[in-house]
Amino acid sequence: MVKKIREQQQNVNDTCTDCGSFVDIGAVIDEHDTELMLMFTGESAKNDAQAIANKAIQRFDHVVVDMAMMDNNIQLTLTFAVTVEKMLFQMENKF
């Protein structure tokens, strides 16, 4: 995600010579960035992944949850209806 943001920041046109605060938010936030992938490990991996999935389901009506076993890990993929939901969920849960 950070790599993609850095790439998109190259498109930012800062035209404010007084404050440097003008940013084209579309250059930083991709409207199609709706998928959040999290990896859980350890004995509580499945329970931890399910707890996060439950938080997302309770918070947003149209989130799609997918859990997959990968080696000894659980990969949780949350697909949100819109990018802002993903961003809010990440901020609220400190991801």
PDB file of N, CA and C in Angstrom:
ATOM      1  N   MET A   1       0.822  -1.189   0.000  1.00  0.00           N
ATOM      2  CA  MET A   1       0.000   0.000   0.000  1.00  0.00           C
ATOM      3  C   MET A   1       0.870   1.258   0.000  1.00  0.00           C
ATOM      4  N   VAL A   2       1.904   1.288   0.840  1.00  0.00           N
ATOM      5  CA  VAL A   2       2.767   2.456   0.931  1.00  0.00           C
ATOM      6  C   VAL A   2       3.476   2.698  -0.394  1.00  0.00           C
ATOM      7  N   LYS A   3       3.923   1.616  -1.034  1.00  0.00           N
ATOM      8  CA  LYS A   3       4.593   1.747  -2.332  1.00  0.00           C
ATOM      9  C   LYS A   3       3.657   2.394  -3.346  1.00  0.00           C
ATOM     10  N   LYS A   4       2.391   1.948  -3.342  1.00  0.00           N
ATOM     11  CA  LYS A   4       1.424   2.490  -4.296  1.00  0.00           C
ATOM     12  C   LYS A   4       1.161   3.972  -4.021  1.00  0.00           C
ATOM     13  N   ILE A   5       1.090   4.349  -2.756  1.00  0.00           N
ATOM     14  CA  ILE A   5       0.870   5.758  -2.393  1.00  0.00           C
ATOM     15  C   ILE A   5       2.041   6.606  -2.882  1.00  0.00           C
ATOM     16  N   ARG A   6       3.255   6.116  -2.681  1.00  0.00           N
ATOM     17  CA  ARG A   6       4.436   6.869  -3.134  1.00  0.00           C
ATOM     18  C   ARG A   6       4.420   7.057  -4.650  1.00  0.00           C
ATOM     19  N   GLU A   7       4.025   6.011  -5.371  1.00  0.00           N
ATOM     20  CA  GLU A   7       3.942   6.118  -6.826  1.00  0.00           C
ATOM     21  C   GLU A   7       2.901   7.153  -7.234  1.00  0.00           C
ATOM     22  N   GLN A   8       1.764   7.152  -6.529  1.00  0.00           N
ATOM     23  CA  GLN A   8       0.686   8.072  -6.871  1.00  0.00           C
ATOM     24  C   GLN A   8       1.015   9.508  -6.483  1.00  0.00           C
ATOM     25  N   GLN A   9       1.876   9.697  -5.492  1.00  0.00           N
ATOM     26  CA  GLN A   9       2.237  11.035  -5.063  1.00  0.00           C
ATOM     27  C   GLN A   9       3.027  11.776  -6.135  1.00  0.00           C
ATOM     28  N   GLN A  10       3.599  11.050  -7.068  1.00  0.00           N
ATOM     29  CA  GLN A  10       4.316  11.700  -8.158  1.00  0.00           C
ATOM     30  C   GLN A  10       3.362  12.521  -9.019  1.00  0.00           C
ATOM     31  N   ASN A  11       2.065  12.235  -8.935  1.00  0.00           N
ATOM     32  CA  ASN A  11       1.058  12.948  -9.708  1.00  0.00           C
ATOM     33  C   ASN A  11       0.508  14.166  -8.977  1.00  0.00           C
ATOM     34  N   VAL A  12       0.954  14.414  -7.746  1.00  0.00           N
ATOM     35  CA  VAL A  12       0.437  15.525  -6.943  1.00  0.00           C
ATOM     36  C   VAL A  12       1.010  16.830  -7.468  1.00  0.00           C
ATOM     37  N   ASN A  13       0.133  17.804  -7.652  1.00  0.00           N
ATOM     38  CA  ASN A  13       0.534  19.117  -8.131  1.00  0.00           C
ATOM     39  C   ASN A  13       0.292  20.121  -7.012  1.00  0.00           C
ATOM     40  N   ASP A  14       1.349  20.515  -6.312  1.00  0.00           N
ATOM     41  CA  ASP A  14       1.244  21.463  -5.202  1.00  0.00           C
ATOM     42  C   ASP A  14       1.414  22.868  -5.757  1.00  0.00           C
ATOM     43  N   THR A  15       0.299  23.602  -5.900  1.00  0.00           N
ATOM     44  CA  THR A  15       0.339  24.931  -6.488  1.00  0.00           C
ATOM     45  C   THR A  15       0.242  26.043  -5.455  1.00  0.00           C
ATOM     46  N   CYS A  16       0.142  25.708  -4.196  1.00  0.00           N
ATOM     47  CA  CYS A  16       0.015  26.715  -3.144  1.00  0.00           C
ATOM     48  C   CYS A  16       1.416  27.095  -2.664  1.00  0.00           C
ATOM     49  N   THR A  17       1.875  28.297  -3.022  1.00  0.00           N
ATOM     50  CA  THR A  17       3.226  28.714  -2.640  1.00  0.00           C
ATOM     51  C   THR A  17       3.279  29.226  -1.211  1.00  0.00           C
ATOM     52  N   ASP A  18       2.120  29.545  -0.618  1.00  0.00           N
ATOM     53  CA  ASP A  18       2.101  30.058   0.750  1.00  0.00           C
ATOM     54  C   ASP A  18       2.122  28.955   1.794  1.00  0.00           C
ATOM     55  N   CYS A  19       1.387  27.883   1.543  1.00  0.00           N
ATOM     56  CA  CYS A  19       1.241  26.883   2.601  1.00  0.00           C
ATOM     57  C   CYS A  19       1.623  25.475   2.183  1.00  0.00           C
ATOM     58  N   GLY A  20       1.664  25.193   0.906  1.00  0.00           N
ATOM     59  CA  GLY A  20       2.021  23.852   0.456  1.00  0.00           C
ATOM     60  C   GLY A  20       1.007  22.806   0.840  1.00  0.00           C
ATOM     61  N   SER A  21      -0.262  23.173   0.956  1.00  0.00           N
ATOM     62  CA  SER A  21      -1.264  22.232   1.453  1.00  0.00           C
ATOM     63  C   SER A  21      -2.226  21.726   0.391  1.00  0.00           C
ATOM     64  N   PHE A  22      -2.142  22.178  -0.838  1.00  0.00           N
ATOM     65  CA  PHE A  22      -3.053  21.715  -1.873  1.00  0.00           C
ATOM     66  C   PHE A  22      -2.623  20.327  -2.344  1.00  0.00           C
ATOM     67  N   VAL A  23      -3.541  19.385  -2.282  1.00  0.00           N
ATOM     68  CA  VAL A  23      -3.257  18.029  -2.741  1.00  0.00           C
ATOM     69  C   VAL A  23      -4.465  17.515  -3.494  1.00  0.00           C
ATOM     70  N   ASP A  24      -4.237  16.931  -4.646  1.00  0.00           N
ATOM     71  CA  ASP A  24      -5.299  16.251  -5.373  1.00  0.00           C
ATOM     72  C   ASP A  24      -5.476  14.898  -4.709  1.00  0.00           C
ATOM     73  N   ILE A  25      -6.501  14.764  -3.875  1.00  0.00           N
ATOM     74  CA  ILE A  25      -6.681  13.563  -3.074  1.00  0.00           C
ATOM     75  C   ILE A  25      -6.812  12.321  -3.939  1.00  0.00           C
ATOM     76  N   GLY A  26      -7.278  12.465  -5.156  1.00  0.00           N
ATOM     77  CA  GLY A  26      -7.380  11.340  -6.072  1.00  0.00           C
ATOM     78  C   GLY A  26      -6.027  10.793  -6.491  1.00  0.00           C
ATOM     79  N   ALA A  27      -4.987  11.591  -6.324  1.00  0.00           N
ATOM     80  CA  ALA A  27      -3.645  11.119  -6.644  1.00  0.00           C
ATOM     81  C   ALA A  27      -3.078  10.261  -5.520  1.00  0.00           C
ATOM     82  N   VAL A  28      -3.662  10.345  -4.343  1.00  0.00           N
ATOM     83  CA  VAL A  28      -3.180   9.603  -3.187  1.00  0.00           C
ATOM     84  C   VAL A  28      -4.074   8.406  -2.874  1.00  0.00           C
ATOM     85  N   ILE A  29      -5.372   8.556  -3.075  1.00  0.00           N
ATOM     86  CA  ILE A  29      -6.330   7.504  -2.754  1.00  0.00           C
ATOM     87  C   ILE A  29      -6.898   6.931  -4.050  1.00  0.00           C
ATOM     88  N   ASP A  30      -6.753   5.642  -4.220  1.00  0.00           N
ATOM     89  CA  ASP A  30      -7.281   4.959  -5.399  1.00  0.00           C
ATOM     90  C   ASP A  30      -8.696   4.475  -5.089  1.00  0.00           C
ATOM     91  N   GLU A  31      -9.663   4.886  -5.867  1.00  0.00           N
ATOM     92  CA  GLU A  31     -11.054   4.538  -5.610  1.00  0.00           C
ATOM     93  C   GLU A  31     -11.323   3.036  -5.681  1.00  0.00           C
ATOM     94  N   HIS A  32     -10.413   2.287  -6.280  1.00  0.00           N
ATOM     95  CA  HIS A  32     -10.600   0.839  -6.404  1.00  0.00           C
ATOM     96  C   HIS A  32      -9.830   0.049  -5.349  1.00  0.00           C
ATOM     97  N   ASP A  33      -9.212   0.748  -4.399  1.00  0.00           N
ATOM     98  CA  ASP A  33      -8.440   0.107  -3.336  1.00  0.00           C
ATOM     99  C   ASP A  33      -9.395  -0.286  -2.205  1.00  0.00           C
ATOM    100  N   THR A  34     -10.107  -1.385  -2.395  1.00  0.00           N
ATOM    101  CA  THR A  34     -11.141  -1.793  -1.444  1.00  0.00           C
ATOM    102  C   THR A  34     -10.811  -3.089  -0.713  1.00  0.00           C
ATOM    103  N   GLU A  35      -9.675  -3.692  -1.022  1.00  0.00           N
ATOM    104  CA  GLU A  35      -9.341  -5.001  -0.462  1.00  0.00           C
ATOM    105  C   GLU A  35      -8.249  -4.876   0.601  1.00  0.00           C
ATOM    106  N   LEU A  36      -8.525  -5.439   1.763  1.00  0.00           N
ATOM    107  CA  LEU A  36      -7.569  -5.454   2.869  1.00  0.00           C
ATOM    108  C   LEU A  36      -7.208  -6.904   3.158  1.00  0.00           C
ATOM    109  N   MET A  37      -5.910  -7.229   3.058  1.00  0.00           N
ATOM    110  CA  MET A  37      -5.444  -8.588   3.349  1.00  0.00           C
ATOM    111  C   MET A  37      -4.636  -8.578   4.631  1.00  0.00           C
ATOM    112  N   LEU A  38      -4.996  -9.472   5.540  1.00  0.00           N
ATOM    113  CA  LEU A  38      -4.308  -9.603   6.820  1.00  0.00           C
ATOM    114  C   LEU A  38      -3.897 -11.049   7.013  1.00  0.00           C
ATOM    115  N   MET A  39      -2.731 -11.259   7.604  1.00  0.00           N
ATOM    116  CA  MET A  39      -2.227 -12.605   7.863  1.00  0.00           C
ATOM    117  C   MET A  39      -2.175 -12.817   9.374  1.00  0.00           C
ATOM    118  N   PHE A  40      -2.666 -13.961   9.805  1.00  0.00           N
ATOM    119  CA  PHE A  40      -2.678 -14.315  11.217  1.00  0.00           C
ATOM    120  C   PHE A  40      -1.899 -15.609  11.407  1.00  0.00           C
ATOM    121  N   THR A  41      -1.100 -15.654  12.476  1.00  0.00           N
ATOM    122  CA  THR A  41      -0.292 -16.833  12.758  1.00  0.00           C
ATOM    123  C   THR A  41      -0.485 -17.261  14.207  1.00  0.00           C
ATOM    124  N   GLY A  42      -0.078 -18.461  14.492  1.00  0.00           N
ATOM    125  CA  GLY A  42      -0.130 -18.952  15.862  1.00  0.00           C
ATOM    126  C   GLY A  42      -1.384 -19.749  16.149  1.00  0.00           C
ATOM    127  N   GLU A  43      -1.465 -20.215  17.383  1.00  0.00           N
ATOM    128  CA  GLU A  43      -2.583 -21.064  17.795  1.00  0.00           C
ATOM    129  C   GLU A  43      -3.933 -20.350  17.734  1.00  0.00           C
ATOM    130  N   SER A  44      -3.924 -19.051  17.951  1.00  0.00           N
ATOM    131  CA  SER A  44      -5.188 -18.297  17.968  1.00  0.00           C
ATOM    132  C   SER A  44      -5.495 -17.639  16.627  1.00  0.00           C
ATOM    133  N   ALA A  45      -4.772 -18.013  15.574  1.00  0.00           N
ATOM    134  CA  ALA A  45      -4.918 -17.361  14.267  1.00  0.00           C
ATOM    135  C   ALA A  45      -6.361 -17.362  13.775  1.00  0.00           C
ATOM    136  N   LYS A  46      -7.012 -18.513  13.822  1.00  0.00           N
ATOM    137  CA  LYS A  46      -8.381 -18.590  13.314  1.00  0.00           C
ATOM    138  C   LYS A  46      -9.335 -17.716  14.129  1.00  0.00           C
ATOM    139  N   ASN A  47      -9.202 -17.755  15.446  1.00  0.00           N
ATOM    140  CA  ASN A  47     -10.059 -16.932  16.311  1.00  0.00           C
ATOM    141  C   ASN A  47      -9.787 -15.445  16.118  1.00  0.00           C
ATOM    142  N   ASP A  48      -8.506 -15.078  15.978  1.00  0.00           N
ATOM    143  CA  ASP A  48      -8.144 -13.674  15.770  1.00  0.00           C
ATOM    144  C   ASP A  48      -8.703 -13.167  14.437  1.00  0.00           C
ATOM    145  N   ALA A  49      -8.562 -13.976  13.398  1.00  0.00           N
ATOM    146  CA  ALA A  49      -9.083 -13.593  12.080  1.00  0.00           C
ATOM    147  C   ALA A  49     -10.600 -13.453  12.127  1.00  0.00           C
ATOM    148  N   GLN A  50     -11.261 -14.372  12.798  1.00  0.00           N
ATOM    149  CA  GLN A  50     -12.725 -14.315  12.890  1.00  0.00           C
ATOM    150  C   GLN A  50     -13.175 -13.086  13.673  1.00  0.00           C
ATOM    151  N   ALA A  51     -12.429 -12.714  14.698  1.00  0.00           N
ATOM    152  CA  ALA A  51     -12.772 -11.522  15.492  1.00  0.00           C
ATOM    153  C   ALA A  51     -12.692 -10.260  14.628  1.00  0.00           C
ATOM    154  N   ILE A  52     -11.652 -10.154  13.811  1.00  0.00           N
ATOM    155  CA  ILE A  52     -11.520  -8.994  12.921  1.00  0.00           C
ATOM    156  C   ILE A  52     -12.619  -9.018  11.861  1.00  0.00           C
ATOM    157  N   ALA A  53     -12.905 -10.189  11.321  1.00  0.00           N
ATOM    158  CA  ALA A  53     -13.980 -10.313  10.325  1.00  0.00           C
ATOM    159  C   ALA A  53     -15.314  -9.874  10.932  1.00  0.00           C
ATOM    160  N   ASN A  54     -15.572 -10.280  12.156  1.00  0.00           N
ATOM    161  CA  ASN A  54     -16.824  -9.897  12.832  1.00  0.00           C
ATOM    162  C   ASN A  54     -16.913  -8.391  13.023  1.00  0.00           C
ATOM    163  N   LYS A  55     -15.793  -7.751  13.380  1.00  0.00           N
ATOM    164  CA  LYS A  55     -15.783  -6.291  13.519  1.00  0.00           C
ATOM    165  C   LYS A  55     -16.157  -5.615  12.201  1.00  0.00           C
ATOM    166  N   ALA A  56     -15.583  -6.115  11.110  1.00  0.00           N
ATOM    167  CA  ALA A  56     -15.860  -5.526   9.799  1.00  0.00           C
ATOM    168  C   ALA A  56     -17.330  -5.713   9.417  1.00  0.00           C
ATOM    169  N   ILE A  57     -17.852  -6.904   9.668  1.00  0.00           N
ATOM    170  CA  ILE A  57     -19.252  -7.200   9.338  1.00  0.00           C
ATOM    171  C   ILE A  57     -20.206  -6.332  10.151  1.00  0.00           C
ATOM    172  N   GLN A  58     -19.881  -6.129  11.417  1.00  0.00           N
ATOM    173  CA  GLN A  58     -20.732  -5.296  12.279  1.00  0.00           C
ATOM    174  C   GLN A  58     -20.677  -3.827  11.879  1.00  0.00           C
ATOM    175  N   ARG A  59     -19.532  -3.390  11.385  1.00  0.00           N
ATOM    176  CA  ARG A  59     -19.327  -1.972  11.076  1.00  0.00           C
ATOM    177  C   ARG A  59     -19.857  -1.583   9.698  1.00  0.00           C
ATOM    178  N   PHE A  60     -19.723  -2.496   8.721  1.00  0.00           N
ATOM    179  CA  PHE A  60     -20.087  -2.177   7.339  1.00  0.00           C
ATOM    180  C   PHE A  60     -21.022  -3.237   6.775  1.00  0.00           C
ATOM    181  N   ASP A  61     -22.059  -2.786   6.104  1.00  0.00           N
ATOM    182  CA  ASP A  61     -23.106  -3.680   5.606  1.00  0.00           C
ATOM    183  C   ASP A  61     -22.661  -4.592   4.467  1.00  0.00           C
ATOM    184  N   HIS A  62     -21.801  -4.119   3.605  1.00  0.00           N
ATOM    185  CA  HIS A  62     -21.522  -4.853   2.371  1.00  0.00           C
ATOM    186  C   HIS A  62     -20.092  -5.376   2.276  1.00  0.00           C
ATOM    187  N   VAL A  63     -19.447  -5.616   3.396  1.00  0.00           N
ATOM    188  CA  VAL A  63     -18.092  -6.151   3.374  1.00  0.00           C
ATOM    189  C   VAL A  63     -18.148  -7.648   3.057  1.00  0.00           C
ATOM    190  N   VAL A  64     -17.229  -8.101   2.218  1.00  0.00           N
ATOM    191  CA  VAL A  64     -17.132  -9.515   1.855  1.00  0.00           C
ATOM    192  C   VAL A  64     -15.909 -10.085   2.563  1.00  0.00           C
ATOM    193  N   VAL A  65     -16.102 -11.198   3.253  1.00  0.00           N
ATOM    194  CA  VAL A  65     -15.043 -11.815   4.046  1.00  0.00           C
ATOM    195  C   VAL A  65     -14.615 -13.126   3.402  1.00  0.00           C
ATOM    196  N   ASP A  66     -13.293 -13.317   3.301  1.00  0.00           N
ATOM    197  CA  ASP A  66     -12.744 -14.571   2.802  1.00  0.00           C
ATOM    198  C   ASP A  66     -11.584 -14.967   3.711  1.00  0.00           C
ATOM    199  N   MET A  67     -11.649 -16.179   4.249  1.00  0.00           N
ATOM    200  CA  MET A  67     -10.559 -16.696   5.072  1.00  0.00           C
ATOM    201  C   MET A  67      -9.982 -17.918   4.383  1.00  0.00           C
ATOM    202  N   ALA A  68      -8.658 -17.938   4.278  1.00  0.00           N
ATOM    203  CA  ALA A  68      -7.994 -19.061   3.622  1.00  0.00           C
ATOM    204  C   ALA A  68      -6.822 -19.526   4.479  1.00  0.00           C
ATOM    205  N   MET A  69      -6.684 -20.846   4.559  1.00  0.00           N
ATOM    206  CA  MET A  69      -5.555 -21.440   5.274  1.00  0.00           C
ATOM    207  C   MET A  69      -4.365 -21.464   4.325  1.00  0.00           C
ATOM    208  N   MET A  70      -3.248 -20.900   4.743  1.00  0.00           N
ATOM    209  CA  MET A  70      -2.029 -20.878   3.940  1.00  0.00           C
ATOM    210  C   MET A  70      -0.891 -21.344   4.828  1.00  0.00           C
ATOM    211  N   ASP A  71      -0.393 -22.550   4.555  1.00  0.00           N
ATOM    212  CA  ASP A  71       0.602 -23.198   5.414  1.00  0.00           C
ATOM    213  C   ASP A  71       0.011 -23.302   6.827  1.00  0.00           C
ATOM    214  N   ASN A  72       0.630 -22.680   7.792  1.00  0.00           N
ATOM    215  CA  ASN A  72       0.100 -22.686   9.162  1.00  0.00           C
ATOM    216  C   ASN A  72      -0.509 -21.341   9.525  1.00  0.00           C
ATOM    217  N   ASN A  73      -0.852 -20.555   8.520  1.00  0.00           N
ATOM    218  CA  ASN A  73      -1.378 -19.209   8.730  1.00  0.00           C
ATOM    219  C   ASN A  73      -2.804 -19.103   8.203  1.00  0.00           C
ATOM    220  N   ILE A  74      -3.496 -18.101   8.675  1.00  0.00           N
ATOM    221  CA  ILE A  74      -4.817 -17.770   8.153  1.00  0.00           C
ATOM    222  C   ILE A  74      -4.707 -16.433   7.441  1.00  0.00           C
ATOM    223  N   GLN A  75      -5.088 -16.415   6.173  1.00  0.00           N
ATOM    224  CA  GLN A  75      -5.146 -15.160   5.429  1.00  0.00           C
ATOM    225  C   GLN A  75      -6.587 -14.693   5.408  1.00  0.00           C
ATOM    226  N   LEU A  76      -6.813 -13.508   5.946  1.00  0.00           N
ATOM    227  CA  LEU A  76      -8.140 -12.899   5.956  1.00  0.00           C
ATOM    228  C   LEU A  76      -8.161 -11.800   4.909  1.00  0.00           C
ATOM    229  N   THR A  77      -9.105 -11.879   4.001  1.00  0.00           N
ATOM    230  CA  THR A  77      -9.284 -10.835   2.996  1.00  0.00           C
ATOM    231  C   THR A  77     -10.644 -10.211   3.202  1.00  0.00           C
ATOM    232  N   LEU A  78     -10.646  -8.904   3.421  1.00  0.00           N
ATOM    233  CA  LEU A  78     -11.881  -8.139   3.567  1.00  0.00           C
ATOM    234  C   LEU A  78     -12.008  -7.248   2.343  1.00  0.00           C
ATOM    235  N   THR A  79     -13.120  -7.361   1.647  1.00  0.00           N
ATOM    236  CA  THR A  79     -13.366  -6.522   0.485  1.00  0.00           C
ATOM    237  C   THR A  79     -14.523  -5.595   0.825  1.00  0.00           C
ATOM    238  N   PHE A  80     -14.218  -4.306   0.857  1.00  0.00           N
ATOM    239  CA  PHE A  80     -15.197  -3.293   1.239  1.00  0.00           C
ATOM    240  C   PHE A  80     -15.891  -2.747   0.002  1.00  0.00           C
ATOM    241  N   ALA A  81     -17.066  -2.166   0.196  1.00  0.00           N
ATOM    242  CA  ALA A  81     -17.845  -1.626  -0.919  1.00  0.00           C
ATOM    243  C   ALA A  81     -17.146  -0.422  -1.558  1.00  0.00           C
ATOM    244  N   VAL A  82     -16.504   0.394  -0.735  1.00  0.00           N
ATOM    245  CA  VAL A  82     -15.802   1.585  -1.225  1.00  0.00           C
ATOM    246  C   VAL A  82     -14.503   1.775  -0.444  1.00  0.00           C
ATOM    247  N   THR A  83     -13.579   2.497  -1.021  1.00  0.00           N
ATOM    248  CA  THR A  83     -12.268   2.713  -0.420  1.00  0.00           C
ATOM    249  C   THR A  83     -12.351   3.351   0.948  1.00  0.00           C
ATOM    250  N   VAL A  84     -13.241   4.303   1.138  1.00  0.00           N
ATOM    251  CA  VAL A  84     -13.319   5.004   2.423  1.00  0.00           C
ATOM    252  C   VAL A  84     -13.660   4.045   3.562  1.00  0.00           C
ATOM    253  N   GLU A  85     -14.468   3.028   3.293  1.00  0.00           N
ATOM    254  CA  GLU A  85     -14.761   2.035   4.338  1.00  0.00           C
ATOM    255  C   GLU A  85     -13.488   1.302   4.750  1.00  0.00           C
ATOM    256  N   LYS A  86     -12.696   0.919   3.767  1.00  0.00           N
ATOM    257  CA  LYS A  86     -11.429   0.245   4.074  1.00  0.00           C
ATOM    258  C   LYS A  86     -10.542   1.148   4.913  1.00  0.00           C
ATOM    259  N   MET A  87     -10.427   2.402   4.513  1.00  0.00           N
ATOM    260  CA  MET A  87      -9.569   3.338   5.232  1.00  0.00           C
ATOM    261  C   MET A  87     -10.059   3.562   6.662  1.00  0.00           C
ATOM    262  N   LEU A  88     -11.348   3.726   6.837  1.00  0.00           N
ATOM    263  CA  LEU A  88     -11.912   3.904   8.174  1.00  0.00           C
ATOM    264  C   LEU A  88     -11.643   2.674   9.047  1.00  0.00           C
ATOM    265  N   PHE A  89     -11.849   1.503   8.486  1.00  0.00           N
ATOM    266  CA  PHE A  89     -11.619   0.267   9.236  1.00  0.00           C
ATOM    267  C   PHE A  89     -10.150   0.146   9.641  1.00  0.00           C
ATOM    268  N   GLN A  90      -9.253   0.495   8.751  1.00  0.00           N
ATOM    269  CA  GLN A  90      -7.828   0.432   9.056  1.00  0.00           C
ATOM    270  C   GLN A  90      -7.471   1.422  10.169  1.00  0.00           C
ATOM    271  N   MET A  91      -8.009   2.622  10.112  1.00  0.00           N
ATOM    272  CA  MET A  91      -7.716   3.631  11.148  1.00  0.00           C
ATOM    273  C   MET A  91      -8.321   3.220  12.494  1.00  0.00           C
ATOM    274  N   GLU A  92      -9.555   2.774  12.458  1.00  0.00           N
ATOM    275  CA  GLU A  92     -10.222   2.377  13.704  1.00  0.00           C
ATOM    276  C   GLU A  92      -9.540   1.206  14.397  1.00  0.00           C
ATOM    277  N   ASN A  93      -8.935   0.334  13.618  1.00  0.00           N
ATOM    278  CA  ASN A  93      -8.320  -0.877  14.168  1.00  0.00           C
ATOM    279  C   ASN A  93      -6.802  -0.846  14.129  1.00  0.00           C
ATOM    280  N   LYS A  94      -6.249   0.317  13.765  1.00  0.00           N
ATOM    281  CA  LYS A  94      -4.794   0.542  13.766  1.00  0.00           C
ATOM    282  C   LYS A  94      -4.005  -0.453  12.910  1.00  0.00           C
ATOM    283  N   PHE A  95      -4.491  -0.680  11.685  1.00  0.00           N
ATOM    284  CA  PHE A  95      -3.774  -1.529  10.726  1.00  0.00           C
ATOM    285  C   PHE A  95      -2.931  -0.667   9.841  1.00  0.00           C
TER     286      PHE A  95
END
